[in-house]
């Protein structure tokens, strides 16, 4: 398939070559060959067929044409040899079988301008079987994969050139063996007996020889007739050339006139379009200039407003920065005072801690010095000291305890819980009406539950559900008391200002800053925050 359906116009060199070859064929004494190959024509000109008819040319060479088909009504003029290789012929006409005297037919494949083979011909017509004088058939470099069975009727076929590798019928193995095997195969398919071509070539050769003998006998007579015929031929040829020249001249003049008119019309159209385009451009330029001027004025107004806004924002920013600086200074002073106070408190607490640790150490030493026999007495002495050191307010609260509740404590042998009951301000009536939820709020739940149960057994109210699973052994004076003050759930942590990886774990004294981890604080002699000298380091443990 071609990329463009439009026929290519022949070049000047091709036209000159065609005219030269036609002149050579028309000269007196020229041979029987008409060779107009490589003239870049899409179809054979009518003058070539006229020459073949009048001058009885027996060999016609149309090689390297861009031909697409053969004209059937001119085929009778071809006599012996027809060479149309390297063309774009899609198919051979059925009337090609009427060429009874044709001995050589060459339809070899073509080469297009893309420098690769274009295999246009795909089918050999059945009418080829009627060509009784055909001796050589070349169909190579095409897309032909099958031969017609009727080719077996061509008994004179001596040479068959084809692409054996792509053949499907006859098989490639048969086609590779040669022309004789192909003809034998086709004859067997047609039910005919194969005979060598030599048995059928004699009539063809005798036909040519007979014509030559007649020419020899009538030589003298034919000489004058030949001269007369040559004269007539030249006369007819001159007339034909004159008619063709006049026709071409008239066609060229008409084309020239049309081109002039078309050129003038195009010039007027171009001038008009240029004028209209210039007017349109001028109008567009003026409109664009007005729009640009308006846009420029808008941009200037916007720029003026932007400058005013920037100035106002600058003033506001300066005021805000100034106010923030003042607030920061005040806040820093307050924080410094608070940090100093906290540092003093921390130092006092550390001193008290050390003092208490020393007292406890002395007490432990004193206790260790006592013998085991005196440990109980020592504990009683300490317990008596603790009772003697009871605050006056607690004694007054114990005196105000309900008598019934006091008797209940005596019955339960729980007199040591009296300070706790007095401190919680629990009465017998309140204990009697307490629910389980209220009892859980009391610190010493074991005693309260037991006392509540005794009160309910003594009172008229309905006993509540047993709380056996919540009872715990009564607290003795030897049981250690847990601190009631809740510990913080978590410490507020910050990042170490030195390594930026670990949490701050050390308090610097006396400034009180918490800004370094344990590893970084060991190498520091001054606080990274305030540059103050560090006299003491306190480790923080985050629970």
Protein backbone atom coordinates (compact mmCIF):
# COMPACT_ATOMS: atom_id res chain seq x y z
CA UNK A 1 0.00 0.00 0.00
CA UNK A 2 1.37 3.41 -0.97
CA UNK A 3 1.47 6.32 1.41
CA UNK A 4 0.06 8.75 -1.17
CA UNK A 5 -2.60 8.05 -3.75
CA UNK A 6 -1.57 11.01 -5.92
CA UNK A 7 0.50 10.01 -8.93
CA UNK A 8 4.04 11.32 -9.02
CA UNK A 9 4.76 13.78 -11.81
CA UNK A 10 7.68 12.64 -14.04
CA UNK A 11 10.84 14.69 -13.96
CA UNK A 12 12.23 16.63 -16.91
CA UNK A 13 15.00 14.06 -17.43
CA UNK A 14 12.40 11.28 -17.67
CA UNK A 15 10.38 13.21 -20.24
CA UNK A 16 13.49 13.87 -22.30
CA UNK A 17 14.44 10.18 -22.14
CA UNK A 18 10.93 9.17 -23.30
CA UNK A 19 11.08 11.53 -26.29
CA UNK A 20 14.55 10.29 -27.20
CA UNK A 21 13.56 6.60 -27.07
CA UNK A 22 10.44 7.22 -29.16
CA UNK A 23 12.53 9.00 -31.78
CA UNK A 24 15.00 6.10 -31.88
CA UNK A 25 12.16 3.60 -32.37
CA UNK A 26 10.74 5.62 -35.30
CA UNK A 27 14.02 5.93 -37.20
CA UNK A 28 14.48 3.94 -40.37
CA UNK A 29 16.43 0.72 -39.91
CA UNK A 30 15.65 0.53 -36.20
CA UNK A 31 15.37 -2.93 -34.65
CA UNK A 32 12.17 -4.55 -33.40
CA UNK A 33 12.67 -3.37 -29.80
CA UNK A 34 10.69 -0.56 -28.14
CA UNK A 35 12.57 0.36 -24.95
CA UNK A 36 11.04 3.20 -22.92
CA UNK A 37 12.13 2.01 -19.47
CA UNK A 38 12.80 4.25 -16.44
CA UNK A 39 10.68 7.16 -17.69
CA UNK A 40 8.65 7.54 -14.45
CA UNK A 41 5.28 7.29 -16.18
CA UNK A 42 2.16 6.01 -14.48
CA UNK A 43 0.85 4.59 -17.75
CA UNK A 44 2.22 3.85 -21.19
CA UNK A 45 1.61 6.77 -23.59
CA UNK A 46 -0.66 6.20 -26.58
CA UNK A 47 2.16 7.14 -28.98
CA UNK A 48 4.11 4.06 -27.84
CA UNK A 49 1.20 1.79 -28.78
CA UNK A 50 0.89 3.55 -32.13
CA UNK A 51 4.57 2.87 -32.84
CA UNK A 52 4.13 -0.79 -31.90
CA UNK A 53 1.19 -1.12 -34.27
CA UNK A 54 2.61 0.78 -37.23
CA UNK A 55 6.25 -0.35 -37.00
CA UNK A 56 5.36 -3.89 -35.81
CA UNK A 57 7.67 -3.92 -32.81
CA UNK A 58 8.12 -7.43 -31.44
CA UNK A 59 9.90 -6.61 -28.13
CA UNK A 60 8.43 -4.09 -25.65
CA UNK A 61 10.42 -3.06 -22.57
CA UNK A 62 8.58 -1.08 -19.88
CA UNK A 63 11.07 -1.59 -17.02
CA UNK A 64 11.12 0.49 -13.80
CA UNK A 65 7.79 2.21 -14.50
CA UNK A 66 5.41 3.08 -11.70
CA UNK A 67 2.74 1.19 -13.70
CA UNK A 68 -0.35 0.01 -11.82
CA UNK A 69 -2.13 -1.90 -14.61
CA UNK A 70 -1.84 -2.97 -18.22
CA UNK A 71 -4.39 -1.58 -20.66
CA UNK A 72 -6.25 -4.56 -22.11
CA UNK A 73 -7.25 -2.92 -25.38
CA UNK A 74 -3.57 -2.42 -26.33
CA UNK A 75 -2.35 -5.92 -25.51
CA UNK A 76 -2.96 -7.25 -29.03
CA UNK A 77 -0.09 -5.09 -30.24
CA UNK A 78 2.52 -6.97 -28.20
CA UNK A 79 3.97 -9.82 -30.17
CA UNK A 80 7.03 -11.69 -28.86
CA UNK A 81 8.43 -10.22 -25.64
CA UNK A 82 6.69 -8.18 -22.92
CA UNK A 83 8.91 -6.99 -20.05
CA UNK A 84 7.13 -5.02 -17.29
CA UNK A 85 9.40 -5.85 -14.35
CA UNK A 86 9.91 -3.43 -11.44
CA UNK A 87 6.42 -1.93 -11.71
CA UNK A 88 3.44 -1.61 -9.37
CA UNK A 89 1.03 -3.79 -11.32
CA UNK A 90 -1.65 -5.09 -8.97
CA UNK A 91 -3.02 -7.73 -11.32
CA UNK A 92 -2.74 -8.99 -14.87
CA UNK A 93 -5.84 -8.56 -17.07
CA UNK A 94 -7.74 -11.65 -18.20
CA UNK A 95 -7.25 -10.60 -21.81
CA UNK A 96 -3.54 -11.38 -21.51
CA UNK A 97 -4.45 -14.91 -22.60
CA UNK A 98 -5.23 -13.52 -26.07
CA UNK A 99 -1.52 -12.92 -26.72
CA UNK A 100 -1.09 -16.19 -28.61
CA UNK A 101 2.30 -15.21 -30.11
CA UNK A 102 3.85 -13.90 -26.87
CA UNK A 103 6.90 -15.99 -25.95
CA UNK A 104 8.40 -14.11 -22.96
CA UNK A 105 6.44 -12.49 -20.12
CA UNK A 106 8.42 -10.81 -17.30
CA UNK A 107 6.42 -9.42 -14.34
CA UNK A 108 9.24 -9.51 -11.80
CA UNK A 109 8.75 -7.52 -8.55
CA UNK A 110 9.51 -3.83 -8.12
CA UNK A 111 11.57 -1.51 -5.94
CA UNK A 112 9.83 1.59 -4.62
CA UNK A 113 11.40 4.85 -3.40
CA UNK A 114 11.67 3.46 0.12
CA UNK A 115 14.45 1.08 -0.99
CA UNK A 116 12.70 -2.17 -0.19
CA UNK A 117 10.83 -4.64 -2.39
CA UNK A 118 7.14 -4.00 -2.95
CA UNK A 119 5.37 -7.21 -3.92
CA UNK A 120 2.23 -6.02 -5.64
CA UNK A 121 1.22 -8.96 -7.84
CA UNK A 122 -0.57 -11.66 -5.83
CA UNK A 123 -2.53 -13.76 -8.38
CA UNK A 124 -1.82 -15.15 -11.85
CA UNK A 125 -5.01 -15.11 -13.97
CA UNK A 126 -6.40 -18.38 -15.29
CA UNK A 127 -6.29 -16.99 -18.83
CA UNK A 128 -2.50 -17.52 -18.87
CA UNK A 129 -3.29 -21.11 -19.83
CA UNK A 130 -4.38 -19.88 -23.31
CA UNK A 131 -0.94 -18.45 -24.17
CA UNK A 132 0.08 -21.26 -26.52
CA UNK A 133 3.49 -19.78 -27.48
CA UNK A 134 4.73 -18.77 -24.00
CA UNK A 135 8.27 -20.08 -23.37
CA UNK A 136 9.52 -17.98 -20.43
CA UNK A 137 7.50 -16.71 -17.44
CA UNK A 138 9.15 -14.67 -14.63
CA UNK A 139 6.92 -13.95 -11.58
CA UNK A 140 9.64 -13.72 -8.91
CA UNK A 141 9.82 -11.10 -6.11
CA UNK A 142 6.02 -10.87 -5.85
CA UNK A 143 3.41 -12.07 -3.37
CA UNK A 144 2.34 -15.01 -5.52
CA UNK A 145 1.92 -18.20 -3.49
CA UNK A 146 -0.26 -20.27 -5.85
CA UNK A 147 -0.15 -21.11 -9.57
CA UNK A 148 -3.31 -21.77 -11.59
CA UNK A 149 -3.85 -25.37 -12.72
CA UNK A 150 -4.55 -24.07 -16.22
CA UNK A 151 -0.84 -23.29 -16.57
CA UNK A 152 -0.47 -26.99 -17.47
CA UNK A 153 -2.10 -26.15 -20.86
CA UNK A 154 0.97 -24.05 -21.78
CA UNK A 155 2.93 -26.91 -23.34
CA UNK A 156 5.71 -24.67 -24.68
CA UNK A 157 6.79 -23.37 -21.24
CA UNK A 158 10.54 -23.95 -20.87
CA UNK A 159 11.50 -21.60 -18.03
CA UNK A 160 9.40 -20.71 -14.98
CA UNK A 161 11.06 -18.30 -12.51
CA UNK A 162 9.35 -17.91 -9.12
CA UNK A 163 10.01 -17.71 -5.36
CA UNK A 164 9.91 -21.40 -4.47
CA UNK A 165 10.28 -20.87 -0.72
CA UNK A 166 6.93 -19.06 -0.35
CA UNK A 167 4.90 -21.25 -2.69
CA UNK A 168 1.98 -23.21 -1.29
CA UNK A 169 0.57 -24.63 -4.55
CA UNK A 170 2.44 -26.42 -5.99
CA UNK A 171 4.37 -27.22 -2.80
CA UNK A 172 7.75 -25.59 -2.24
CA UNK A 173 9.53 -28.92 -2.68
CA UNK A 174 8.04 -29.28 -6.19
CA UNK A 175 8.81 -25.68 -7.14
CA UNK A 176 12.41 -26.07 -6.02
CA UNK A 177 12.89 -29.07 -8.36
CA UNK A 178 12.46 -26.91 -11.47
CA UNK A 179 10.04 -26.04 -14.27
CA UNK A 180 9.66 -29.60 -15.52
CA UNK A 181 8.55 -30.90 -12.11
CA UNK A 182 6.09 -28.03 -11.73
CA UNK A 183 4.55 -28.80 -15.13
CA UNK A 184 4.39 -32.51 -14.31
CA UNK A 185 2.60 -31.72 -11.04
CA UNK A 186 0.08 -29.40 -12.73
CA UNK A 187 -0.55 -31.92 -15.52
CA UNK A 188 -1.25 -34.64 -12.96
CA UNK A 189 -3.66 -32.28 -11.19
CA UNK A 190 -5.44 -31.55 -14.49
CA UNK A 191 -5.43 -35.22 -15.54
CA UNK A 192 -3.18 -34.57 -18.56
CA UNK A 193 -0.15 -36.43 -19.81
CA UNK A 194 3.05 -34.45 -19.54
CA UNK A 195 5.10 -33.94 -22.72
CA UNK A 196 8.38 -32.04 -23.03
CA UNK A 197 8.14 -28.49 -24.47
CA UNK A 198 10.42 -29.46 -27.38
CA UNK A 199 7.55 -31.39 -28.99
CA UNK A 200 5.39 -28.25 -29.12
CA UNK A 201 7.99 -25.62 -30.08
CA UNK A 202 8.31 -26.73 -33.73
CA UNK A 203 5.05 -25.10 -34.93
CA UNK A 204 6.04 -21.86 -33.25
CA UNK A 205 9.47 -21.84 -34.83
CA UNK A 206 8.05 -22.87 -38.24
CA UNK A 207 5.62 -19.97 -38.08
CA UNK A 208 8.53 -17.55 -37.70
CA UNK A 209 10.56 -19.33 -40.42
CA UNK A 210 7.66 -19.28 -42.88
CA UNK A 211 7.36 -15.61 -42.61
CA UNK A 212 11.08 -15.18 -43.26
CA UNK A 213 10.91 -17.36 -46.45
CA UNK A 214 8.02 -15.33 -47.84
CA UNK A 215 10.02 -12.23 -47.23
CA UNK A 216 12.99 -13.67 -49.13
CA UNK A 217 10.93 -14.73 -52.20
CA UNK A 218 9.22 -11.41 -52.54
CA UNK A 219 12.35 -9.47 -51.66
CA UNK A 220 12.48 -7.20 -54.68
CA UNK A 221 8.80 -6.45 -54.67
CA UNK A 222 8.79 -5.90 -50.99
CA UNK A 223 11.78 -3.57 -51.22
CA UNK A 224 9.72 -1.01 -53.15
CA UNK A 225 6.77 -1.58 -50.92
CA UNK A 226 9.03 -1.19 -47.94
CA UNK A 227 10.29 2.14 -49.19
CA UNK A 228 6.75 3.27 -49.87
CA UNK A 229 5.64 2.02 -46.47
CA UNK A 230 8.55 3.81 -44.86
CA UNK A 231 7.51 7.00 -46.56
CA UNK A 232 3.92 6.52 -45.50
CA UNK A 233 5.01 5.69 -42.00
CA UNK A 234 7.16 8.78 -41.79
CA UNK A 235 4.33 10.84 -43.19
CA UNK A 236 1.86 9.43 -40.67
CA UNK A 237 4.41 9.82 -37.91
CA UNK A 238 5.06 13.45 -38.80
CA UNK A 239 1.35 14.10 -38.87
CA UNK A 240 0.95 12.41 -35.51
CA UNK A 241 3.83 14.37 -34.07
CA UNK A 242 2.36 17.60 -35.41
CA UNK A 243 -1.05 16.83 -33.92
CA UNK A 244 0.50 15.86 -30.60
CA UNK A 245 2.69 18.97 -30.60
CA UNK A 246 -0.24 21.27 -31.39
CA UNK A 247 -2.33 19.57 -28.73
CA UNK A 248 0.45 19.92 -26.16
CA UNK A 249 1.04 23.54 -27.14
CA UNK A 250 -2.64 24.35 -26.83
CA UNK A 251 -2.78 22.60 -23.46
CA UNK A 252 0.27 24.48 -22.23
CA UNK A 253 -1.14 27.83 -23.41
CA UNK A 254 -4.43 27.11 -21.69
CA UNK A 255 -2.61 26.13 -18.51
CA UNK A 256 -0.46 29.27 -18.73
CA UNK A 257 -3.56 31.47 -19.12
CA UNK A 258 -5.25 29.78 -16.20
CA UNK A 259 -2.13 30.20 -14.10
CA UNK A 260 -1.97 33.92 -14.94
CA UNK A 261 -5.63 34.42 -14.05
CA UNK A 262 -5.23 32.39 -10.90
CA UNK A 263 -2.08 34.30 -9.99
CA UNK A 264 -3.78 37.68 -10.45
CA UNK A 265 -6.76 36.54 -8.42
CA UNK A 266 -4.49 35.28 -5.70
CA UNK A 267 -2.57 38.56 -5.66
CA UNK A 268 -5.78 40.54 -5.24
CA UNK A 269 -6.96 38.20 -2.50
CA UNK A 270 -3.60 38.43 -0.75
CA UNK A 271 -3.58 42.25 -0.92
CA UNK A 272 -7.13 42.42 0.39
CA UNK A 273 -6.40 39.98 3.19
CA UNK A 274 -3.21 41.88 4.08
CA UNK A 275 -5.13 45.15 4.21
CA UNK A 276 -7.87 43.65 6.37
CA UNK A 277 -5.29 42.04 8.61
CA UNK A 278 -3.43 45.34 8.98
CA UNK A 279 -6.64 47.15 9.94
CA UNK A 280 -7.49 44.42 12.41
CA UNK A 281 -4.00 44.59 13.90
CA UNK A 282 -4.15 48.39 14.23
CA UNK A 283 -7.52 48.15 15.96
CA UNK A 284 -6.22 45.42 18.24
CA UNK A 285 -3.07 47.41 19.05
CA UNK A 286 -5.08 50.50 19.99
CA UNK A 287 -7.40 48.46 22.18
CA UNK A 288 -4.42 46.73 23.75
CA UNK A 289 -2.74 50.09 24.46
CA UNK A 290 -5.89 51.44 26.15
CA UNK A 291 -6.24 48.26 28.18
CA UNK A 292 -2.56 48.41 29.18
CA UNK A 293 -2.89 52.05 30.24
CA UNK A 294 -5.94 51.22 32.37
CA UNK A 295 -4.17 48.25 33.87
CA UNK A 296 -1.08 50.38 34.55
CA UNK A 297 -3.17 52.96 36.41
CA UNK A 298 -4.77 50.19 38.48
CA UNK A 299 -1.36 48.77 39.29
CA UNK A 300 -0.11 52.21 40.41
CA UNK A 301 -3.13 52.62 42.70
CA UNK A 302 -2.60 49.16 44.13
CA UNK A 303 1.10 49.87 44.68
CA UNK A 304 0.25 53.11 46.52
CA UNK A 305 -2.22 51.29 48.76
CA UNK A 306 0.29 48.50 49.37
CA UNK A 307 2.92 51.03 50.48
CA UNK A 308 0.46 52.64 52.92
CA UNK A 309 -0.51 49.25 54.32
CA UNK A 310 3.13 48.25 54.65
CA UNK A 311 3.92 51.45 56.57
CA UNK A 312 0.99 50.87 58.95
CA UNK A 313 2.00 47.25 59.44
CA UNK A 314 5.57 48.33 60.15
CA UNK A 315 4.38 50.75 62.86
CA UNK A 316 2.14 48.11 64.41
CA UNK A 317 4.96 45.57 64.32
CA UNK A 318 7.35 47.95 66.05
CA UNK A 319 4.79 48.69 68.75
CA UNK A 320 4.06 45.00 69.23
CA UNK A 321 7.75 44.13 69.43
CA UNK A 322 8.31 46.90 71.95
CA UNK A 323 5.37 45.71 74.05
CA UNK A 324 6.56 42.13 73.88
CA UNK A 325 10.04 43.15 74.95
CA UNK A 326 8.62 44.95 77.97
CA UNK A 327 6.41 41.99 78.84
CA UNK A 328 9.35 39.64 78.41
CA UNK A 329 11.55 41.70 80.70
CA UNK A 330 8.87 41.84 83.37
CA UNK A 331 8.19 38.14 83.04
CA UNK A 332 11.89 37.35 83.26
CA UNK A 333 12.18 39.36 86.47
CA UNK A 334 9.19 37.53 87.97
CA UNK A 335 10.56 34.18 86.89
CA UNK A 336 13.97 35.03 88.33
CA UNK A 337 12.41 35.93 91.69
CA UNK A 338 10.34 32.75 91.72
CA UNK A 339 13.32 30.66 90.75
CA UNK A 340 15.41 32.20 93.53
CA UNK A 341 12.67 31.53 96.07
CA UNK A 342 12.26 27.96 94.90
CA UNK A 343 16.02 27.45 95.05
CA UNK A 344 16.07 28.68 98.66
CA UNK A 345 13.18 26.39 99.56
CA UNK A 346 14.91 23.47 97.88
CA UNK A 347 18.09 24.13 99.79
CA UNK A 348 16.17 24.29 103.07
CA UNK A 349 14.39 21.05 102.23
CA UNK A 350 17.66 19.38 101.38
CA UNK A 351 19.11 20.53 104.70
CA UNK A 352 16.05 19.25 106.55
CA UNK A 353 16.32 15.98 104.65
CA UNK A 354 19.93 15.62 105.65
CA UNK A 355 19.03 16.49 109.27
CA UNK A 356 16.25 13.93 109.38
CA UNK A 357 18.44 11.31 107.81
CA UNK A 358 21.00 12.02 110.50
CA UNK A 359 18.33 11.74 113.24
CA UNK A 360 17.10 8.46 111.80
CA UNK A 361 20.65 7.21 111.60
CA UNK A 362 21.16 8.10 115.28
CA UNK A 363 17.90 6.40 116.20
CA UNK A 364 18.93 3.29 114.32
CA UNK A 365 22.28 3.32 116.05
CA UNK A 366 20.53 3.72 119.40
CA UNK A 367 18.13 0.88 118.59
CA UNK A 368 20.95 -1.37 117.52
CA UNK A 369 22.69 -0.73 120.82
CA UNK A 370 19.72 -2.01 122.76
CA UNK A 371 19.53 -5.70 123.45
CA UNK A 372 16.73 -7.91 122.24
CA UNK A 373 15.28 -8.11 125.74
CA UNK A 374 14.87 -4.36 125.87
CA UNK A 375 13.48 -3.95 122.34
CA UNK A 376 9.86 -4.36 123.49
CA UNK A 377 10.34 -1.89 126.33
CA UNK A 378 12.03 0.46 123.93
CA UNK A 379 9.14 0.23 121.52
CA UNK A 380 6.63 0.86 124.34
CA UNK A 381 8.63 3.85 125.45
CA UNK A 382 8.58 5.21 121.94
CA UNK A 383 4.88 4.51 121.68
CA UNK A 384 4.28 6.29 124.99
CA UNK A 385 6.34 9.20 123.77
CA UNK A 386 4.20 9.31 120.66
CA UNK A 387 1.03 9.30 122.76
CA UNK A 388 2.42 11.99 125.03
CA UNK A 389 3.24 14.10 121.98
CA UNK A 390 -0.37 13.98 120.82
CA UNK A 391 -1.56 17.46 119.82
CA UNK A 392 -4.09 19.26 121.97
CA UNK A 393 -6.56 19.61 119.11
CA UNK A 394 -6.58 15.83 118.60
CA UNK A 395 -7.19 15.28 122.32
CA UNK A 396 -10.15 17.64 122.20
CA UNK A 397 -11.52 15.75 119.17
CA UNK A 398 -11.17 12.43 121.06
CA UNK A 399 -13.08 13.86 123.99
CA UNK A 400 -15.89 14.85 121.65
CA UNK A 401 -16.31 11.30 120.26
CA UNK A 402 -19.75 9.72 120.79
CA UNK A 403 -19.93 7.51 123.93
CA UNK A 404 -21.63 4.66 122.05
CA UNK A 405 -18.88 4.67 119.47
CA UNK A 406 -16.27 4.67 122.22
CA UNK A 407 -17.91 1.68 123.92
CA UNK A 408 -18.01 -0.11 120.56
CA UNK A 409 -14.28 0.48 120.13
CA UNK A 410 -13.66 -0.94 123.59
CA UNK A 411 -15.71 -4.03 122.81
CA UNK A 412 -13.74 -4.49 119.58
CA UNK A 413 -10.41 -3.88 121.37
CA UNK A 414 -9.74 -1.10 118.90
CA UNK A 415 -9.08 1.82 121.21
CA UNK A 416 -6.07 2.73 119.08
CA UNK A 417 -8.42 3.73 116.27
CA UNK A 418 -9.99 6.45 118.43
CA UNK A 419 -7.67 9.21 117.10
CA UNK A 420 -8.57 8.22 113.55
CA UNK A 421 -12.33 8.22 114.27
CA UNK A 422 -11.99 11.57 116.02
CA UNK A 423 -9.99 13.02 113.13
CA UNK A 424 -12.57 11.80 110.57
CA UNK A 425 -15.44 13.13 112.77
CA UNK A 426 -17.39 9.88 112.40
CA UNK A 427 -20.35 9.39 114.73
CA UNK A 428 -22.26 6.21 115.57
CA UNK A 429 -25.31 7.42 113.69
CA UNK A 430 -23.24 8.33 110.62
CA UNK A 431 -21.48 4.98 110.71
CA UNK A 432 -24.81 3.17 110.92
CA UNK A 433 -26.12 4.82 107.73
CA UNK A 434 -22.94 4.50 105.67
CA UNK A 435 -23.12 2.58 102.39
CA UNK A 436 -20.36 0.50 100.88
CA UNK A 437 -19.37 3.42 98.65
CA UNK A 438 -19.11 5.71 101.68
CA UNK A 439 -17.09 3.14 103.60
CA UNK A 440 -14.57 2.94 100.75
CA UNK A 441 -13.84 6.63 101.22
CA UNK A 442 -12.62 6.01 104.78
CA UNK A 443 -8.90 5.37 104.97
CA UNK A 444 -8.97 2.40 107.38
CA UNK A 445 -11.66 0.41 105.61
CA UNK A 446 -11.17 -2.81 107.65
CA UNK A 447 -12.11 -1.26 110.98
CA UNK A 448 -14.94 0.84 109.57
CA UNK A 449 -16.55 -2.13 107.84
CA UNK A 450 -16.36 -4.19 111.06
CA UNK A 451 -17.71 -1.35 113.17
CA UNK A 452 -20.50 -0.71 110.66
CA UNK A 453 -21.46 -4.36 110.78
CA UNK A 454 -21.65 -4.28 114.62
CA UNK A 455 -23.75 -1.13 114.48
CA UNK A 456 -26.19 -2.70 112.03
CA UNK A 457 -26.48 -5.86 114.17
CA UNK A 458 -27.30 -3.71 117.20
CA UNK A 459 -29.67 -1.34 115.35
CA UNK A 460 -33.20 -1.94 113.93
CA UNK A 461 -32.22 -1.34 110.27
CA UNK A 462 -32.07 -4.16 107.75
CA UNK A 463 -28.57 -5.66 107.42
CA UNK A 464 -26.84 -4.98 104.15
CA UNK A 465 -25.11 -7.52 101.94
CA UNK A 466 -22.03 -9.18 103.47
CA UNK A 467 -18.74 -7.50 102.72
CA UNK A 468 -16.55 -10.43 103.71
CA UNK A 469 -14.50 -10.11 100.51
CA UNK A 470 -13.61 -6.50 101.35
CA UNK A 471 -12.52 -7.19 104.99
CA UNK A 472 -8.85 -6.96 105.82
CA UNK A 473 -7.08 -7.65 109.15
CA UNK A 474 -7.35 -4.78 111.67
CA UNK A 475 -4.57 -2.30 111.59
CA UNK A 476 -2.18 -2.59 114.53
CA UNK A 477 0.04 0.17 115.86
CA UNK A 478 3.00 -1.66 114.35
CA UNK A 479 1.55 -1.46 110.82
CA UNK A 480 3.35 1.28 108.86
CA UNK A 481 1.20 4.16 107.76
CA UNK A 482 1.27 5.08 104.05
CA UNK A 483 1.41 8.76 103.20
CA UNK A 484 -1.90 10.26 102.17
CA UNK A 485 -0.54 13.00 100.00
CA UNK A 486 -0.90 11.95 96.34
CA UNK A 487 2.27 11.87 94.30
CA UNK A 488 2.24 13.58 90.90
CA UNK A 489 1.36 11.27 88.02
CA UNK A 490 4.14 12.46 85.89
CA UNK A 491 6.94 15.01 85.84
CA UNK A 492 6.98 17.78 83.35
CA UNK A 493 9.98 17.11 81.18
CA UNK A 494 12.03 19.25 78.84
CA UNK A 495 14.86 18.63 76.43
CA UNK A 496 18.52 18.94 77.37
CA UNK A 497 19.83 22.23 75.96
CA UNK A 498 23.30 20.74 75.38
CA UNK A 499 22.78 17.38 73.60
CA UNK A 500 19.11 17.89 72.58
CA UNK A 501 18.54 14.13 72.97
CA UNK A 502 17.78 13.30 76.63
CA UNK A 503 15.36 14.83 79.15
CA UNK A 504 16.49 17.37 81.74
CA UNK A 505 17.40 15.47 84.94
CA UNK A 506 19.48 17.87 87.11
CA UNK A 507 18.63 21.04 89.09
CA UNK A 508 21.43 23.59 89.25
CA UNK A 509 21.73 25.48 92.54
CA UNK A 510 21.55 28.29 93.47
CA UNK A 511 19.95 29.48 90.18
CA UNK A 512 17.35 26.63 90.14
CA UNK A 513 17.38 25.96 86.38
CA UNK A 514 16.44 22.46 85.14
CA UNK A 515 17.98 22.34 81.66
CA UNK A 516 20.55 19.50 81.42
CA UNK A 517 20.71 15.72 81.56
CA UNK A 518 22.94 13.84 84.02
CA UNK A 519 25.69 13.20 81.46
CA UNK A 520 26.00 16.79 80.23
CA UNK A 521 25.74 18.35 83.72
CA UNK A 522 28.92 16.61 84.95
CA UNK A 523 31.07 18.58 82.52
CA UNK A 524 29.50 22.00 83.24
CA UNK A 525 30.76 24.53 85.80
CA UNK A 526 28.20 27.24 85.00
CA UNK A 527 24.49 27.17 84.16
CA UNK A 528 23.82 27.25 80.35
CA UNK A 529 20.72 29.39 80.90
CA UNK A 530 21.97 32.23 83.14
CA UNK A 531 25.77 31.64 83.09
CA UNK A 532 25.72 31.54 86.89
CA UNK A 533 28.19 29.45 88.89
CA UNK A 534 26.86 26.02 89.89
CA UNK A 535 27.49 25.23 93.55
CA UNK A 536 25.31 22.12 93.81
CA UNK A 537 23.54 19.65 91.52
CA UNK A 538 20.32 17.84 92.44
CA UNK A 539 19.26 14.75 90.44
CA UNK A 540 15.59 14.39 89.49
CA UNK A 541 14.03 10.93 89.29
CA UNK A 542 10.93 10.75 87.10
CA UNK A 543 8.49 8.12 88.36
